[in-house]
Protein backbone atom coordinates (compact mmCIF):
# COMPACT_ATOMS: atom_id res chain seq x y z
CA MET A 1 9.53 179.38 -61.47
CA SER A 2 11.37 182.61 -60.85
CA THR A 3 14.80 182.94 -59.36
CA ILE A 4 13.33 184.64 -56.31
CA GLU A 5 10.97 181.70 -55.69
CA ASN A 6 13.82 179.22 -56.07
CA ASP A 7 15.94 181.15 -53.58
CA ASP A 8 13.04 181.33 -51.15
CA ARG A 9 12.43 177.56 -51.32
CA SER A 10 16.15 176.88 -50.84
CA TYR A 11 16.27 179.13 -47.79
CA LYS A 12 13.20 177.40 -46.27
CA CYS A 13 14.82 173.99 -46.86
CA PHE A 14 17.95 175.26 -45.14
CA LEU A 15 15.96 176.43 -42.11
CA ASN A 16 14.00 173.19 -41.91
CA HIS A 17 17.16 171.12 -42.16
CA ALA A 18 18.88 173.21 -39.49
CA ASP A 19 15.85 172.88 -37.22
CA GLU A 20 15.72 169.12 -37.79
CA VAL A 21 19.42 168.67 -37.02
CA ARG A 22 19.31 170.93 -33.98
CA HIS A 23 16.59 168.89 -32.30
CA THR A 24 17.67 165.38 -33.23
CA ASN A 25 19.07 163.30 -30.41
CA ASP A 26 20.48 160.72 -32.84
CA TRP A 27 22.46 163.44 -34.58
CA PHE A 28 24.00 164.52 -31.30
CA VAL A 29 24.86 160.94 -30.35
CA LYS A 30 26.79 160.63 -33.62
CA GLN A 31 28.72 163.80 -32.78
CA CYS A 32 29.72 162.19 -29.47
CA SER A 33 31.30 159.17 -31.16
CA TYR A 34 34.82 160.54 -30.52
CA LEU A 35 34.26 160.02 -26.78
CA GLY A 36 34.11 156.25 -27.19
CA ALA A 37 32.44 153.65 -25.00
CA ASP A 38 33.83 155.13 -21.76
CA TYR A 39 31.15 157.85 -21.77
CA GLU A 40 27.42 157.25 -21.25
CA LEU A 41 24.89 159.95 -22.19
CA LEU A 42 22.33 160.08 -19.36
CA ASN A 43 19.71 162.51 -20.74
CA GLU A 44 18.32 163.45 -24.13
CA TYR A 45 19.76 166.21 -26.28
CA HIS A 46 17.47 169.24 -26.92
CA SER A 47 19.67 172.06 -28.19
CA LEU A 48 23.27 173.20 -28.35
CA LYS A 49 22.79 175.41 -25.29
CA SER A 50 20.83 172.97 -23.11
CA ALA A 51 23.28 171.12 -20.88
CA VAL A 52 23.54 167.35 -21.01
CA THR A 53 25.06 164.92 -18.52
CA PHE A 54 27.52 162.13 -19.22
CA TYR A 55 28.78 159.44 -16.90
CA HIS A 56 32.51 158.81 -17.33
CA LYS A 57 33.14 155.15 -16.54
CA VAL A 58 36.92 155.59 -16.16
CA CYS A 59 36.90 158.11 -13.29
CA GLY A 60 33.36 157.43 -12.02
CA HIS A 61 32.26 161.09 -12.17
CA TYR A 62 29.25 162.78 -13.76
CA TRP A 63 30.09 165.42 -16.35
CA ASN A 64 27.69 168.30 -17.14
CA VAL A 65 28.49 170.09 -20.38
CA ASN A 66 26.87 172.25 -23.06
CA PRO A 67 26.48 170.23 -26.29
CA ASP A 68 28.11 172.97 -28.42
CA ALA A 69 31.41 172.32 -26.62
CA VAL A 70 31.09 168.62 -27.47
CA VAL A 71 30.13 169.17 -31.11
CA TYR A 72 32.57 171.93 -32.01
CA LYS A 73 35.45 171.66 -29.49
CA HIS A 74 35.48 167.89 -28.85
CA VAL A 75 36.00 168.40 -25.12
CA LYS A 76 36.24 165.54 -22.64
CA CYS A 77 35.54 164.95 -18.93
CA SER A 78 36.30 168.12 -16.97
CA TRP A 79 37.16 166.21 -13.77
CA CYS A 80 39.84 164.21 -15.56
CA ARG A 81 41.16 167.37 -17.20
CA ASN A 82 41.49 169.14 -13.83
CA HIS A 83 42.97 166.03 -12.16
CA ARG A 84 45.23 164.83 -14.94
CA GLY A 85 48.23 164.73 -12.58
CA LEU A 86 46.44 162.65 -9.94
CA PRO A 87 47.08 159.17 -11.46
CA LYS A 88 50.82 159.87 -11.50
CA LEU A 89 50.71 161.02 -7.86
CA LYS A 90 48.78 157.90 -6.82
CA ARG A 91 51.36 155.64 -8.49
CA PHE A 92 54.22 157.57 -6.88
CA CYS A 93 52.66 157.42 -3.39
CA LYS A 94 52.05 153.68 -3.75
CA GLU A 95 55.70 153.13 -4.68
CA HIS A 96 56.89 155.14 -1.64
CA ASP A 97 54.36 153.88 0.95
CA LEU A 98 52.52 157.19 1.25
CA LYS A 99 48.81 157.82 1.78
CA ILE A 100 47.07 160.87 0.26
CA LEU A 101 44.90 162.62 2.87
CA THR A 102 43.59 165.70 1.02
CA PRO A 103 41.98 166.37 -2.40
CA TRP A 104 44.14 166.97 -5.48
CA ALA A 105 45.65 170.47 -5.44
CA LYS A 106 47.56 170.37 -8.76
CA HIS A 107 51.32 170.22 -9.24
CA HIS A 108 52.13 173.37 -7.26
CA GLY A 109 49.43 172.95 -4.62
CA ILE A 110 50.07 171.92 -1.01
CA MET A 111 48.63 168.57 0.02
CA LYS A 112 48.68 166.43 3.16
CA PHE A 113 50.28 162.97 3.19
CA GLN A 114 50.86 160.19 5.71
CA SER A 115 53.84 157.86 5.73
CA LYS A 116 52.70 154.25 6.08
CA LYS A 117 56.11 153.32 7.48
CA CYS A 118 56.13 155.63 10.52
CA GLY A 119 52.56 157.00 10.61
CA HIS A 120 53.65 160.66 10.57
CA ILE A 121 51.41 163.16 8.78
CA PHE A 122 53.03 166.04 6.88
CA THR A 123 52.24 168.66 4.22
CA ARG A 124 54.22 169.20 1.03
CA ARG A 125 53.85 170.62 -2.46
CA VAL A 126 53.25 167.88 -5.01
CA GLY A 127 56.13 168.99 -7.21
CA TYR A 128 58.55 168.88 -4.27
CA LEU A 129 57.22 165.51 -3.10
CA TYR A 130 58.52 163.94 -6.31
CA LYS A 131 62.00 165.22 -5.41
CA ASN A 132 61.85 164.25 -1.73
CA PRO A 133 59.22 161.68 -0.69
CA ASN A 134 60.84 161.00 2.71
CA CYS A 135 59.02 161.77 5.97
CA PRO A 136 60.35 165.13 7.25
CA TYR A 137 59.98 164.15 10.91
CA CYS A 138 62.07 161.01 10.45
CA ASN A 139 64.72 163.06 8.68
CA GLY A 140 65.51 165.61 11.38
CA TYR A 141 62.54 167.97 11.10
CA ARG A 142 61.23 168.99 14.51
CA GLN A 143 57.54 168.32 15.03
CA ARG A 144 55.69 171.29 16.46
CA GLN A 145 54.02 170.83 19.85
CA LYS A 146 52.27 173.21 22.24
CA PRO A 147 54.83 175.80 23.43
CA GLY A 148 56.09 175.25 26.96
CA ARG A 149 55.89 177.71 29.84
CA LEU A 150 59.41 179.04 29.27
CA GLY A 151 58.76 179.64 25.58
CA LYS A 152 55.66 181.69 26.41
CA GLU A 153 57.53 183.69 29.05
CA ILE A 154 60.38 184.49 26.63
CA TYR A 155 57.87 185.56 23.95
CA GLU A 156 55.97 187.86 26.36
CA TRP A 157 59.18 189.27 27.88
CA ARG A 158 60.90 190.16 24.59
CA HIS A 159 57.72 191.73 23.14
CA LYS A 160 57.35 193.82 26.28
CA LYS A 161 60.94 194.96 25.84
CA GLY A 162 60.63 195.36 22.09
CA PHE A 163 63.39 192.84 21.33
CA THR A 164 63.65 190.68 18.23
CA GLN A 165 64.46 186.97 18.47
CA ALA A 166 68.04 187.69 17.39
CA GLU A 167 68.47 190.41 20.05
CA THR A 168 66.91 188.16 22.70
CA ALA A 169 69.23 185.31 21.75
CA GLU A 170 72.26 187.56 22.13
CA LEU A 171 71.12 188.74 25.57
CA LEU A 172 70.43 185.17 26.74
CA HIS A 173 73.68 183.87 25.22
CA VAL A 174 71.99 181.33 22.93
CA SER A 175 71.36 180.99 19.20
CA PRO A 176 68.31 182.63 17.57
CA LYS A 177 67.19 179.13 16.55
CA THR A 178 66.95 178.10 20.23
CA VAL A 179 64.68 181.06 21.01
CA SER A 180 62.55 180.35 17.93
CA TYR A 181 62.20 176.64 18.73
CA LEU A 182 61.19 177.31 22.34
CA GLU A 183 58.61 179.94 21.37
CA ARG A 184 57.10 177.82 18.59
CA GLY A 185 57.02 174.57 20.55
CA TYR A 186 59.53 172.64 18.45
CA VAL A 187 61.54 171.74 21.58
CA LYS A 188 60.82 171.42 25.30
CA GLU A 189 62.82 173.51 27.72
CA THR A 190 65.31 171.85 30.05
CA GLU A 191 65.72 172.67 33.75
CA GLU A 192 69.08 174.29 33.02
CA GLN A 193 67.58 176.51 30.31
CA THR A 194 64.72 177.52 32.60
CA ARG A 195 67.10 178.48 35.40
CA LEU A 196 69.53 180.43 33.20
CA PHE A 197 66.95 182.20 31.05
CA LYS A 198 64.95 183.36 34.06
CA TYR A 199 68.15 184.62 35.67
CA TYR A 200 69.04 186.69 32.57
CA MET A 201 65.48 187.99 32.13
CA ASN A 202 65.26 189.05 35.81
CA SER A 203 68.66 190.74 35.52
CA LEU A 204 67.51 192.72 32.50
CA ALA A 205 64.10 193.60 33.92
């Protein structure tokens, strides 16, 4: 047998072996052994580019993935990879009597929480929550309400005049924070404030 014939037979054996491996479900199952018993393959393998579905028993999510990523990159559940900080957050919130109200938004994302002690709902970045888990409303933060009548009148008056909050505060003989809180609804106006502010605004009309 010539060298050319030997080479040709070897090449055909290589192609047949590659074709056999590529379409063998048992072969693919062996490649998935690194995943362990926590992953269940739900459909049969056909090729490296035909997606398969796993069920991850730990997180309870279904994972769709191309087999080539499993065979060559040894990837794992994408949901767990994208939510790897969530277990830590859950433990932290349990220790500090907090309830998570929104989906995981990663370490720098803003999420909504509820304090089980007081019932207040607040938003905070996850990274900052680890530094300060206390309810902001119970620690001096003013809860925003619907702005009162005086706050609306001040807002409309100063915009008509072209005044900033700081300029308005100086004219009304109060701090800029007072003007801001009234306009935004963080405080309710008093009778004394209503009387004095209307007097100053009418005087400057």
